C-alpha atoms as a PDB file:
ATOM      1  CA  UNK A   1       0.237  -0.175   0.087  1.00  0.00           C
ATOM      2  CA  UNK A   2       1.379   3.235  -1.172  1.00  0.00           C
ATOM      3  CA  UNK A   3      -0.302   6.616   0.265  1.00  0.00           C
ATOM      4  CA  UNK A   4      -0.994   9.241  -2.523  1.00  0.00           C
ATOM      5  CA  UNK A   5      -0.059  13.057  -1.288  1.00  0.00           C
ATOM      6  CA  UNK A   6      -2.339  15.606  -2.840  1.00  0.00           C
ATOM      7  CA  UNK A   7      -0.689  18.811  -3.600  1.00  0.00           C
ATOM      8  CA  UNK A   8      -2.715  22.112  -2.580  1.00  0.00           C
ATOM      9  CA  UNK A   9      -3.421  24.732  -5.318  1.00  0.00           C
ATOM     10  CA  UNK A  10      -1.237  27.970  -4.185  1.00  0.00           C
ATOM     11  CA  UNK A  11      -3.267  30.606  -2.779  1.00  0.00           C
ATOM     12  CA  UNK A  12      -3.947  34.056  -4.549  1.00  0.00           C
ATOM     13  CA  UNK A  13      -3.887  37.632  -3.212  1.00  0.00           C
ATOM     14  CA  UNK A  14      -7.358  38.394  -3.277  1.00  0.00           C
ATOM     15  CA  UNK A  15      -6.290  41.823  -3.951  1.00  0.00           C
ATOM     16  CA  UNK A  16      -4.385  40.889  -7.080  1.00  0.00           C
ATOM     17  CA  UNK A  17      -0.578  41.938  -7.411  1.00  0.00           C
ATOM     18  CA  UNK A  18       0.350  45.136  -6.496  1.00  0.00           C
ATOM     19  CA  UNK A  19      -2.685  46.347  -4.926  1.00  0.00           C
ATOM     20  CA  UNK A  20      -1.704  45.148  -1.131  1.00  0.00           C
ATOM     21  CA  UNK A  21      -1.966  48.074   1.475  1.00  0.00           C
ATOM     22  CA  UNK A  22      -0.065  45.861   4.047  1.00  0.00           C
ATOM     23  CA  UNK A  23       3.117  48.070   4.791  1.00  0.00           C
ATOM     24  CA  UNK A  24       0.107  51.174   5.142  1.00  0.00           C
ATOM     25  CA  UNK A  25      -2.128  49.056   7.311  1.00  0.00           C
ATOM     26  CA  UNK A  26       0.968  47.855   9.908  1.00  0.00           C
ATOM     27  CA  UNK A  27       2.376  51.337   9.720  1.00  0.00           C
ATOM     28  CA  UNK A  28      -1.254  52.554  11.259  1.00  0.00           C
ATOM     29  CA  UNK A  29      -1.092  49.625  13.381  1.00  0.00           C
ATOM     30  CA  UNK A  30       2.037  50.686  14.746  1.00  0.00           C
ATOM     31  CA  UNK A  31       0.734  54.090  16.309  1.00  0.00           C
ATOM     32  CA  UNK A  32      -2.317  53.164  17.353  1.00  0.00           C
ATOM     33  CA  UNK A  33       0.112  50.439  19.525  1.00  0.00           C
ATOM     34  CA  UNK A  34       2.484  52.822  21.027  1.00  0.00           C
ATOM     35  CA  UNK A  35      -0.624  55.854  21.595  1.00  0.00           C
ATOM     36  CA  UNK A  36      -2.539  52.702  23.701  1.00  0.00           C
ATOM     37  CA  UNK A  37       0.248  51.011  25.082  1.00  0.00           C
ATOM     38  CA  UNK A  38      -1.122  49.496  28.630  1.00  0.00           C
ATOM     39  CA  UNK A  39       0.568  51.008  31.167  1.00  0.00           C
ATOM     40  CA  UNK A  40       2.861  48.448  33.708  1.00  0.00           C
ATOM     41  CA  UNK A  41       3.436  48.629  36.939  1.00  0.00           C
ATOM     42  CA  UNK A  42       6.952  48.015  36.542  1.00  0.00           C
ATOM     43  CA  UNK A  43       6.701  51.090  34.077  1.00  0.00           C
ATOM     44  CA  UNK A  44       5.237  53.109  36.864  1.00  0.00           C
ATOM     45  CA  UNK A  45       8.205  51.973  38.918  1.00  0.00           C
ATOM     46  CA  UNK A  46      10.407  53.517  36.520  1.00  0.00           C
ATOM     47  CA  UNK A  47       8.170  56.581  35.690  1.00  0.00           C
ATOM     48  CA  UNK A  48       8.558  56.981  39.788  1.00  0.00           C
ATOM     49  CA  UNK A  49      12.284  56.643  39.809  1.00  0.00           C
ATOM     50  CA  UNK A  50      13.370  58.816  37.069  1.00  0.00           C
ATOM     51  CA  UNK A  51      11.239  61.777  38.890  1.00  0.00           C
ATOM     52  CA  UNK A  52      14.575  64.081  40.413  1.00  0.00           C
ATOM     53  CA  UNK A  53      13.467  63.448  43.621  1.00  0.00           C
ATOM     54  CA  UNK A  54      13.711  59.950  43.260  1.00  0.00           C
ATOM     55  CA  UNK A  55      10.951  57.143  45.026  1.00  0.00           C
ATOM     56  CA  UNK A  56      10.541  55.642  48.398  1.00  0.00           C
ATOM     57  CA  UNK A  57       9.621  52.176  48.415  1.00  0.00           C
ATOM     58  CA  UNK A  58       6.578  53.101  50.174  1.00  0.00           C
ATOM     59  CA  UNK A  59       5.733  54.829  47.382  1.00  0.00           C
ATOM     60  CA  UNK A  60       6.199  52.435  45.284  1.00  0.00           C
ATOM     61  CA  UNK A  61       4.470  49.874  46.636  1.00  0.00           C
ATOM     62  CA  UNK A  62       1.585  52.234  46.836  1.00  0.00           C
ATOM     63  CA  UNK A  63       1.590  52.883  42.952  1.00  0.00           C
ATOM     64  CA  UNK A  64       1.787  49.242  42.571  1.00  0.00           C
ATOM     65  CA  UNK A  65       0.305  47.194  44.931  1.00  0.00           C
ATOM     66  CA  UNK A  66       2.825  45.210  45.301  1.00  0.00           C
ATOM     67  CA  UNK A  67       4.282  43.853  48.900  1.00  0.00           C
ATOM     68  CA  UNK A  68       7.698  45.595  49.974  1.00  0.00           C
ATOM     69  CA  UNK A  69      10.124  42.472  49.545  1.00  0.00           C
ATOM     70  CA  UNK A  70       8.466  41.917  45.611  1.00  0.00           C
ATOM     71  CA  UNK A  71       8.878  45.702  44.807  1.00  0.00           C
ATOM     72  CA  UNK A  72      12.814  44.844  46.255  1.00  0.00           C
ATOM     73  CA  UNK A  73      12.847  41.770  43.732  1.00  0.00           C
ATOM     74  CA  UNK A  74      11.420  44.173  40.732  1.00  0.00           C
ATOM     75  CA  UNK A  75      14.734  46.737  41.705  1.00  0.00           C
ATOM     76  CA  UNK A  76      16.708  44.327  41.602  1.00  0.00           C
ATOM     77  CA  UNK A  77      14.923  43.035  38.263  1.00  0.00           C
ATOM     78  CA  UNK A  78      16.104  46.793  36.969  1.00  0.00           C
ATOM     79  CA  UNK A  79      19.667  46.299  37.780  1.00  0.00           C
ATOM     80  CA  UNK A  80      20.216  43.011  36.213  1.00  0.00           C
ATOM     81  CA  UNK A  81      19.068  44.728  33.020  1.00  0.00           C
ATOM     82  CA  UNK A  82      21.519  47.607  33.634  1.00  0.00           C
ATOM     83  CA  UNK A  83      19.543  50.518  34.904  1.00  0.00           C
ATOM     84  CA  UNK A  84      21.941  51.831  37.482  1.00  0.00           C
ATOM     85  CA  UNK A  85      19.515  52.657  40.527  1.00  0.00           C
ATOM     86  CA  UNK A  86      21.488  55.004  43.156  1.00  0.00           C
ATOM     87  CA  UNK A  87      19.914  54.966  47.065  1.00  0.00           C
ATOM     88  CA  UNK A  88      20.216  57.442  48.882  1.00  0.00           C
ATOM     89  CA  UNK A  89      18.822  58.285  52.982  1.00  0.00           C
ATOM     90  CA  UNK A  90      16.843  61.843  53.153  1.00  0.00           C
ATOM     91  CA  UNK A  91      15.905  61.756  57.046  1.00  0.00           C
ATOM     92  CA  UNK A  92      14.221  58.340  57.776  1.00  0.00           C
ATOM     93  CA  UNK A  93      13.018  57.433  54.421  1.00  0.00           C
ATOM     94  CA  UNK A  94      15.354  55.494  51.748  1.00  0.00           C
ATOM     95  CA  UNK A  95      15.109  57.043  48.251  1.00  0.00           C
ATOM     96  CA  UNK A  96      15.820  55.316  45.059  1.00  0.00           C
ATOM     97  CA  UNK A  97      15.901  56.685  42.045  1.00  0.00           C
ATOM     98  CA  UNK A  98      17.395  55.904  38.341  1.00  0.00           C
ATOM     99  CA  UNK A  99      20.928  57.341  38.523  1.00  0.00           C
ATOM    100  CA  UNK A 100      21.939  60.081  35.538  1.00  0.00           C
ATOM    101  CA  UNK A 101      25.051  60.818  33.648  1.00  0.00           C
ATOM    102  CA  UNK A 102      26.289  57.051  34.452  1.00  0.00           C
END
């Protein structure tokens, strides 16, 4: 017994050659996607860290809804991705910020 193979005909472009609007459609989609990008929790943390005054751990916890240990782990993840995070004390609170010019 031999198995018969069937060859499917190639599909043709429904619009015909030279009538594709794929490039225009992709450009429109990318503009919409960038305009409607959803805000992520790590994005919120980065925004807080990029401020001149930086952010405290409590501010980051409040913005994300994460627990303190999760927020600290996120800071470690940002460091591993190449962000230089400076830490300093202002009064009793420790402030974290993205170091500029490094």
